[in-house]
Amino acid sequence: MKIPLLIGFAGIAAALLAGQADSLLDGHTKALQGATSLEAGYTVQNLPGGPVEYTLKLAKPGKFRLETPDEIVVANGTTVWTFKKAANSYTEVPQEAGDIKKFLKRDTVLPWTAFFDKTPFKDATGIKVGTARVIKGKAVTEVTVTLPGKPDRTATIFIDKELGIARGLSLLTGTDKQTIIMAKELSVAKDSTKDADFEFSAPANAKKVDPTVASGAGFDKVAAIFQTNCGGCHNATRPRSGLDLTSYAGAMAGGRGGKDIIAGNPDGSPIIAYMKGNGKPVMPPNGALSDSDIAVVADWIKAGANEK
């Protein structure tokens, strides 16, 4: 008679934990849906690499500003500007209905997609509550979810106990890629926003380029080339010379010798020199890349080395 009781208690406990996890995610979503603006100063760390600084500003309806080490993306509801720092160039295009959805696909803004997306976890599975802990002086509760897509992506979301929204997350992609996103500064508001935050002012000598030329291929177009030919040595687990080519952030960060990809300048990018045999050592060491593969990488860099 004891076994059924134990099974019953275990089932009840599991149901309670699942309910708690759903409640935390619902509270997070409602809080962000009810806000008119969000500001976050945070770090993105692709392990085993170090953290890099990001800033994010969101406002309704349809405004966003993201500043990363490589680019600035600004949308004010009618126009989208994308500035590439290394190339000192930018594009300016009319904002379209799908631009917010495209913006939310970035893993680097994943903790706060509920600001624009009313059902951010509708396709998530395996939702469960984890431990309560303190991260960088902030009390949080962990909620783990499995996100759709291939490879498998598991996110452990850190729900801030005071704010009721995500302060960050740990994202595990596949079996060996882990990204940690954590806000040092985070605030939401229900009052009016500053329109100036969502206007773009071009830096000195920045060049405005044709968006049809600058769009080019995203990182997904070169990721397969890097994975097949370079990933054995230059990966997150064992980044030879400090260079990880299995993620966009890793590729753009470069290795111990500095940046290997100079956005907008394939001829000045060391990675192209290595691939063409103009650098030492020639890469990859087990056989040269085809001219067509090198051209794909070079064209991607020339177009601005875009992530998407």
Protein backbone atom coordinates (compact mmCIF):
# COMPACT_ATOMS: atom_id res chain seq x y z
CA MET A 1 0.00 0.00 0.00
CA LYS A 2 2.97 2.33 0.53
CA ILE A 3 4.15 2.30 -3.07
CA PRO A 4 0.96 3.78 -4.58
CA LEU A 5 1.01 6.46 -1.87
CA LEU A 6 4.60 7.35 -2.71
CA ILE A 7 3.78 7.47 -6.39
CA GLY A 8 0.78 9.65 -5.62
CA PHE A 9 2.80 12.10 -3.54
CA ALA A 10 5.50 12.23 -6.22
CA GLY A 11 2.89 13.01 -8.86
CA ILE A 12 1.36 15.74 -6.75
CA ALA A 13 4.78 17.28 -6.08
CA ALA A 14 5.61 17.21 -9.79
CA ALA A 15 2.31 18.86 -10.64
CA LEU A 16 2.89 21.58 -8.04
CA LEU A 17 6.37 22.30 -9.39
CA ALA A 18 5.07 22.43 -12.96
CA GLY A 19 2.37 24.83 -11.85
CA GLN A 20 4.93 27.01 -10.11
CA ALA A 21 7.07 27.13 -13.26
CA ASP A 22 4.08 28.08 -15.40
CA SER A 23 3.12 30.76 -12.88
CA LEU A 24 6.61 32.29 -12.96
CA LEU A 25 6.66 32.38 -16.77
CA ASP A 26 3.13 33.79 -16.91
CA GLY A 27 4.09 36.51 -14.44
CA HIS A 28 7.19 37.33 -16.48
CA THR A 29 5.16 37.57 -19.69
CA LYS A 30 2.39 39.69 -18.16
CA ALA A 31 4.87 42.09 -16.58
CA LEU A 32 6.66 42.66 -19.89
CA GLN A 33 3.42 42.86 -21.86
CA GLY A 34 2.16 45.51 -19.44
CA ALA A 35 5.30 47.64 -19.72
CA THR A 36 5.78 50.40 -22.28
CA SER A 37 9.57 50.39 -22.10
CA LEU A 38 12.49 48.20 -21.06
CA GLU A 39 16.17 48.97 -20.59
CA ALA A 40 18.90 46.41 -19.96
CA GLY A 41 22.65 46.63 -19.63
CA TYR A 42 23.92 43.07 -19.76
CA THR A 43 26.71 40.69 -20.71
CA VAL A 44 26.70 37.85 -23.22
CA GLN A 45 29.22 35.10 -22.57
CA ASN A 46 29.79 32.24 -25.01
CA LEU A 47 31.70 29.77 -22.87
CA PRO A 48 34.59 29.32 -22.50
CA GLY A 49 35.02 32.86 -23.80
CA GLY A 50 34.69 35.92 -21.63
CA PRO A 51 31.65 38.20 -21.27
CA VAL A 52 31.00 41.07 -23.68
CA GLU A 53 28.83 44.11 -23.05
CA TYR A 54 25.39 44.66 -24.63
CA THR A 55 22.72 47.32 -24.13
CA LEU A 56 19.07 46.94 -25.07
CA LYS A 57 16.16 49.38 -25.15
CA LEU A 58 12.62 48.41 -26.12
CA ALA A 59 9.48 50.50 -26.40
CA LYS A 60 5.98 50.03 -27.67
CA PRO A 61 4.87 50.09 -30.34
CA GLY A 62 7.65 48.44 -32.32
CA LYS A 63 10.76 50.31 -31.20
CA PHE A 64 14.08 48.72 -30.34
CA ARG A 65 17.74 49.62 -29.93
CA LEU A 66 20.50 47.04 -29.50
CA GLU A 67 24.17 47.91 -29.12
CA THR A 68 26.75 45.12 -29.28
CA PRO A 69 30.53 45.08 -29.69
CA ASP A 70 30.01 44.72 -33.46
CA GLU A 71 26.91 46.69 -34.39
CA ILE A 72 24.07 49.04 -33.46
CA VAL A 73 20.54 48.23 -34.61
CA VAL A 74 17.87 50.89 -34.15
CA ALA A 75 14.17 50.92 -35.10
CA ASN A 76 11.80 53.82 -34.36
CA GLY A 77 8.60 52.32 -35.74
CA THR A 78 9.06 53.64 -39.28
CA THR A 79 12.79 53.15 -40.04
CA VAL A 80 15.47 50.59 -39.23
CA TRP A 81 19.15 51.51 -39.14
CA THR A 82 21.96 48.95 -38.89
CA PHE A 83 25.45 50.26 -38.20
CA LYS A 84 28.49 47.98 -38.59
CA LYS A 85 31.27 49.28 -36.38
CA ALA A 86 34.23 47.61 -38.07
CA ALA A 87 33.19 48.79 -41.54
CA ASN A 88 31.99 52.19 -40.22
CA SER A 89 28.98 51.86 -42.50
CA TYR A 90 25.23 51.73 -42.04
CA THR A 91 22.00 50.94 -43.84
CA GLU A 92 18.65 52.70 -43.58
CA VAL A 93 15.45 50.93 -44.63
CA PRO A 94 11.71 51.32 -43.97
CA GLN A 95 10.55 49.29 -40.97
CA GLU A 96 8.27 46.40 -41.93
CA ALA A 97 5.83 44.29 -39.94
CA GLY A 98 8.18 41.31 -39.82
CA ASP A 99 11.20 43.24 -38.52
CA ILE A 100 10.30 42.77 -34.86
CA LYS A 101 9.82 39.03 -35.34
CA LYS A 102 13.20 38.86 -37.06
CA PHE A 103 14.81 40.87 -34.25
CA LEU A 104 13.38 38.52 -31.60
CA LYS A 105 15.12 35.53 -33.23
CA ARG A 106 18.42 36.76 -31.82
CA ASP A 107 19.50 34.60 -28.88
CA THR A 108 21.10 37.68 -27.36
CA VAL A 109 17.65 39.22 -26.65
CA LEU A 110 15.94 35.93 -25.74
CA PRO A 111 15.32 36.76 -22.05
CA TRP A 112 13.03 39.67 -22.98
CA THR A 113 11.16 38.56 -26.12
CA ALA A 114 7.90 38.60 -24.11
CA PHE A 115 7.96 42.40 -24.32
CA PHE A 116 6.72 42.08 -27.92
CA ASP A 117 5.65 38.41 -28.10
CA LYS A 118 2.44 37.64 -26.19
CA THR A 119 3.09 33.87 -26.23
CA PRO A 120 6.88 33.44 -26.07
CA PHE A 121 6.71 29.95 -24.53
CA LYS A 122 3.78 28.47 -26.45
CA ASP A 123 5.98 25.84 -28.16
CA ALA A 124 8.30 25.23 -25.20
CA THR A 125 8.34 21.80 -23.56
CA GLY A 126 9.78 20.28 -20.41
CA ILE A 127 8.97 23.38 -18.36
CA LYS A 128 10.09 22.96 -14.76
CA VAL A 129 11.09 25.11 -11.84
CA GLY A 130 14.63 24.90 -10.50
CA THR A 131 16.42 26.24 -7.49
CA ALA A 132 16.28 29.67 -5.90
CA ARG A 133 19.69 31.31 -5.89
CA VAL A 134 21.53 34.61 -5.83
CA ILE A 135 23.38 35.70 -8.97
CA LYS A 136 25.51 38.83 -8.85
CA GLY A 137 23.64 39.98 -5.77
CA LYS A 138 20.17 39.42 -7.25
CA ALA A 139 17.74 36.80 -5.91
CA VAL A 140 16.37 34.70 -8.77
CA THR A 141 14.41 31.50 -9.33
CA GLU A 142 15.42 29.17 -12.15
CA VAL A 143 12.89 27.95 -14.70
CA THR A 144 14.12 25.49 -17.32
CA VAL A 145 12.43 25.11 -20.73
CA THR A 146 13.23 23.24 -23.92
CA LEU A 147 12.84 25.48 -26.96
CA PRO A 148 11.81 24.29 -30.43
CA GLY A 149 14.34 23.95 -33.24
CA LYS A 150 17.41 21.96 -34.19
CA PRO A 151 19.73 21.34 -32.49
CA ASP A 152 17.99 21.07 -29.14
CA ARG A 153 18.08 24.29 -27.13
CA THR A 154 17.56 24.28 -23.39
CA ALA A 155 17.17 27.58 -21.58
CA THR A 156 17.44 28.04 -17.84
CA ILE A 157 15.72 31.36 -17.24
CA PHE A 158 16.61 33.41 -14.17
CA ILE A 159 13.41 35.08 -12.93
CA ASP A 160 14.21 38.08 -10.74
CA LYS A 161 12.20 37.74 -7.51
CA GLU A 162 11.82 41.49 -7.06
CA LEU A 163 10.95 42.47 -10.64
CA GLY A 164 9.13 39.26 -11.60
CA ILE A 165 10.84 39.17 -15.00
CA ALA A 166 13.88 37.43 -16.43
CA ARG A 167 17.21 38.91 -15.43
CA GLY A 168 18.97 36.60 -17.86
CA LEU A 169 19.38 32.98 -18.82
CA SER A 170 21.76 30.16 -19.58
CA LEU A 171 21.24 28.69 -23.06
CA LEU A 172 22.59 25.24 -23.86
CA THR A 173 22.63 24.43 -27.58
CA GLY A 174 23.24 20.81 -28.44
CA THR A 175 25.64 19.21 -26.00
CA ASP A 176 28.56 21.61 -25.85
CA LYS A 177 27.57 25.21 -26.63
CA GLN A 178 26.57 27.32 -23.67
CA THR A 179 25.72 31.00 -23.65
CA ILE A 180 25.10 32.95 -20.45
CA ILE A 181 23.17 36.21 -20.60
CA MET A 182 22.93 38.27 -17.42
CA ALA A 183 21.67 41.80 -16.87
CA LYS A 184 23.62 44.07 -14.56
CA GLU A 185 21.06 46.84 -15.00
CA LEU A 186 17.41 46.10 -15.75
CA SER A 187 14.30 48.24 -15.57
CA VAL A 188 10.78 48.36 -16.98
CA ALA A 189 8.35 51.27 -17.01
CA LYS A 190 4.75 52.05 -17.87
CA ASP A 191 5.23 55.72 -18.66
CA SER A 192 6.20 57.47 -21.90
CA THR A 193 9.49 56.71 -23.61
CA LYS A 194 12.24 58.95 -24.93
CA ASP A 195 11.92 59.14 -28.70
CA ALA A 196 15.56 60.22 -28.95
CA ASP A 197 16.62 56.76 -27.75
CA PHE A 198 15.25 55.31 -30.98
CA GLU A 199 16.81 57.69 -33.47
CA PHE A 200 20.11 56.99 -35.18
CA SER A 201 22.88 59.53 -35.57
CA ALA A 202 25.64 58.34 -37.89
CA PRO A 203 29.18 58.49 -36.43
CA ALA A 204 31.77 60.71 -38.05
CA ASN A 205 32.78 59.60 -41.55
CA ALA A 206 30.34 56.68 -41.48
CA LYS A 207 29.28 55.58 -44.96
CA LYS A 208 25.67 54.92 -45.86
CA VAL A 209 25.50 51.82 -48.06
CA ASP A 210 22.88 50.26 -50.29
CA PRO A 211 20.92 47.73 -48.19
CA THR A 212 20.58 45.38 -51.16
CA VAL A 213 24.37 45.13 -51.24
CA ALA A 214 24.88 45.09 -47.50
CA SER A 215 22.30 42.44 -46.67
CA GLY A 216 24.32 39.56 -48.09
CA ALA A 217 24.29 36.15 -46.47
CA GLY A 218 23.86 35.72 -42.75
CA PHE A 219 26.17 33.67 -40.53
CA ASP A 220 24.06 30.58 -41.21
CA LYS A 221 25.41 30.59 -44.78
CA VAL A 222 29.03 30.30 -43.63
CA ALA A 223 28.42 28.34 -40.42
CA ALA A 224 28.34 25.02 -42.27
CA ILE A 225 31.66 25.80 -43.96
CA PHE A 226 33.25 26.68 -40.63
CA GLN A 227 31.74 23.68 -38.86
CA THR A 228 32.88 21.17 -41.49
CA ASN A 229 36.36 22.54 -42.09
CA CYS A 230 37.29 24.43 -38.94
CA GLY A 231 35.08 23.27 -36.08
CA GLY A 232 37.27 20.32 -35.16
CA CYS A 233 39.90 22.68 -33.76
CA HIS A 234 38.17 26.04 -33.43
CA ASN A 235 35.19 25.27 -31.22
CA ALA A 236 33.81 26.41 -27.89
CA THR A 237 35.17 23.38 -26.04
CA ARG A 238 38.67 23.51 -27.54
CA PRO A 239 39.23 26.88 -29.22
CA ARG A 240 42.65 26.49 -30.86
CA SER A 241 44.49 29.83 -30.68
CA GLY A 242 41.50 31.13 -28.73
CA LEU A 243 39.28 31.15 -31.84
CA ASP A 244 35.79 29.62 -31.85
CA LEU A 245 34.23 29.47 -35.32
CA THR A 246 31.15 27.49 -34.28
CA SER A 247 29.17 30.56 -33.19
CA TYR A 248 28.72 34.05 -34.57
CA ALA A 249 29.89 35.72 -31.36
CA GLY A 250 32.97 33.49 -31.22
CA ALA A 251 33.88 34.11 -34.86
CA MET A 252 33.55 37.87 -34.51
CA ALA A 253 35.47 37.95 -31.21
CA GLY A 254 38.57 36.49 -32.88
CA GLY A 255 41.42 34.63 -31.24
CA ARG A 256 44.42 35.41 -29.13
CA GLY A 257 46.02 37.31 -32.00
CA GLY A 258 43.06 39.67 -32.38
CA LYS A 259 40.10 39.81 -34.73
CA ASP A 260 40.20 37.35 -37.64
CA ILE A 261 37.13 38.77 -39.37
CA ILE A 262 37.00 42.47 -40.27
CA ALA A 263 33.44 43.26 -41.32
CA GLY A 264 33.31 44.88 -44.74
CA ASN A 265 36.97 44.09 -45.50
CA PRO A 266 37.65 40.51 -46.64
CA ASP A 267 41.11 41.41 -47.97
CA GLY A 268 42.06 42.73 -44.55
CA SER A 269 40.57 39.77 -42.68
CA PRO A 270 43.25 37.30 -41.49
CA ILE A 271 40.85 34.37 -41.88
CA ILE A 272 40.73 34.89 -45.66
CA ALA A 273 44.51 35.10 -45.81
CA TYR A 274 44.78 31.78 -43.99
CA MET A 275 42.22 30.16 -46.27
CA LYS A 276 43.96 31.39 -49.42
CA GLY A 277 47.36 30.32 -48.18
CA ASN A 278 48.62 33.87 -47.81
CA GLY A 279 48.88 33.47 -44.07
CA LYS A 280 50.92 31.06 -41.98
CA PRO A 281 49.91 28.43 -41.22
CA VAL A 282 47.58 27.60 -44.10
CA MET A 283 44.10 26.75 -42.86
CA PRO A 284 42.60 24.28 -42.68
CA PRO A 285 45.78 22.19 -42.37
CA ASN A 286 44.23 18.98 -43.72
CA GLY A 287 43.23 20.34 -47.11
CA ALA A 288 42.50 23.69 -48.71
CA LEU A 289 38.97 25.00 -49.01
CA SER A 290 37.43 25.15 -52.46
CA ASP A 291 37.47 28.49 -54.23
CA SER A 292 33.69 28.58 -54.03
CA ASP A 293 33.69 28.14 -50.24
CA ILE A 294 36.30 30.85 -49.83
CA ALA A 295 34.19 33.12 -52.04
CA VAL A 296 31.12 32.52 -49.85
CA VAL A 297 33.05 33.50 -46.72
CA ALA A 298 34.63 36.51 -48.45
CA ASP A 299 31.25 37.71 -49.77
CA TRP A 300 29.73 37.36 -46.30
CA ILE A 301 32.52 39.46 -44.80
CA LYS A 302 32.29 42.04 -47.59
CA ALA A 303 28.54 42.39 -46.99
CA GLY A 304 29.20 43.29 -43.38
CA ALA A 305 29.63 39.88 -41.68
CA ASN A 306 26.00 39.93 -40.59
CA GLU A 307 24.60 37.57 -37.98
CA LYS A 308 21.17 37.36 -39.64
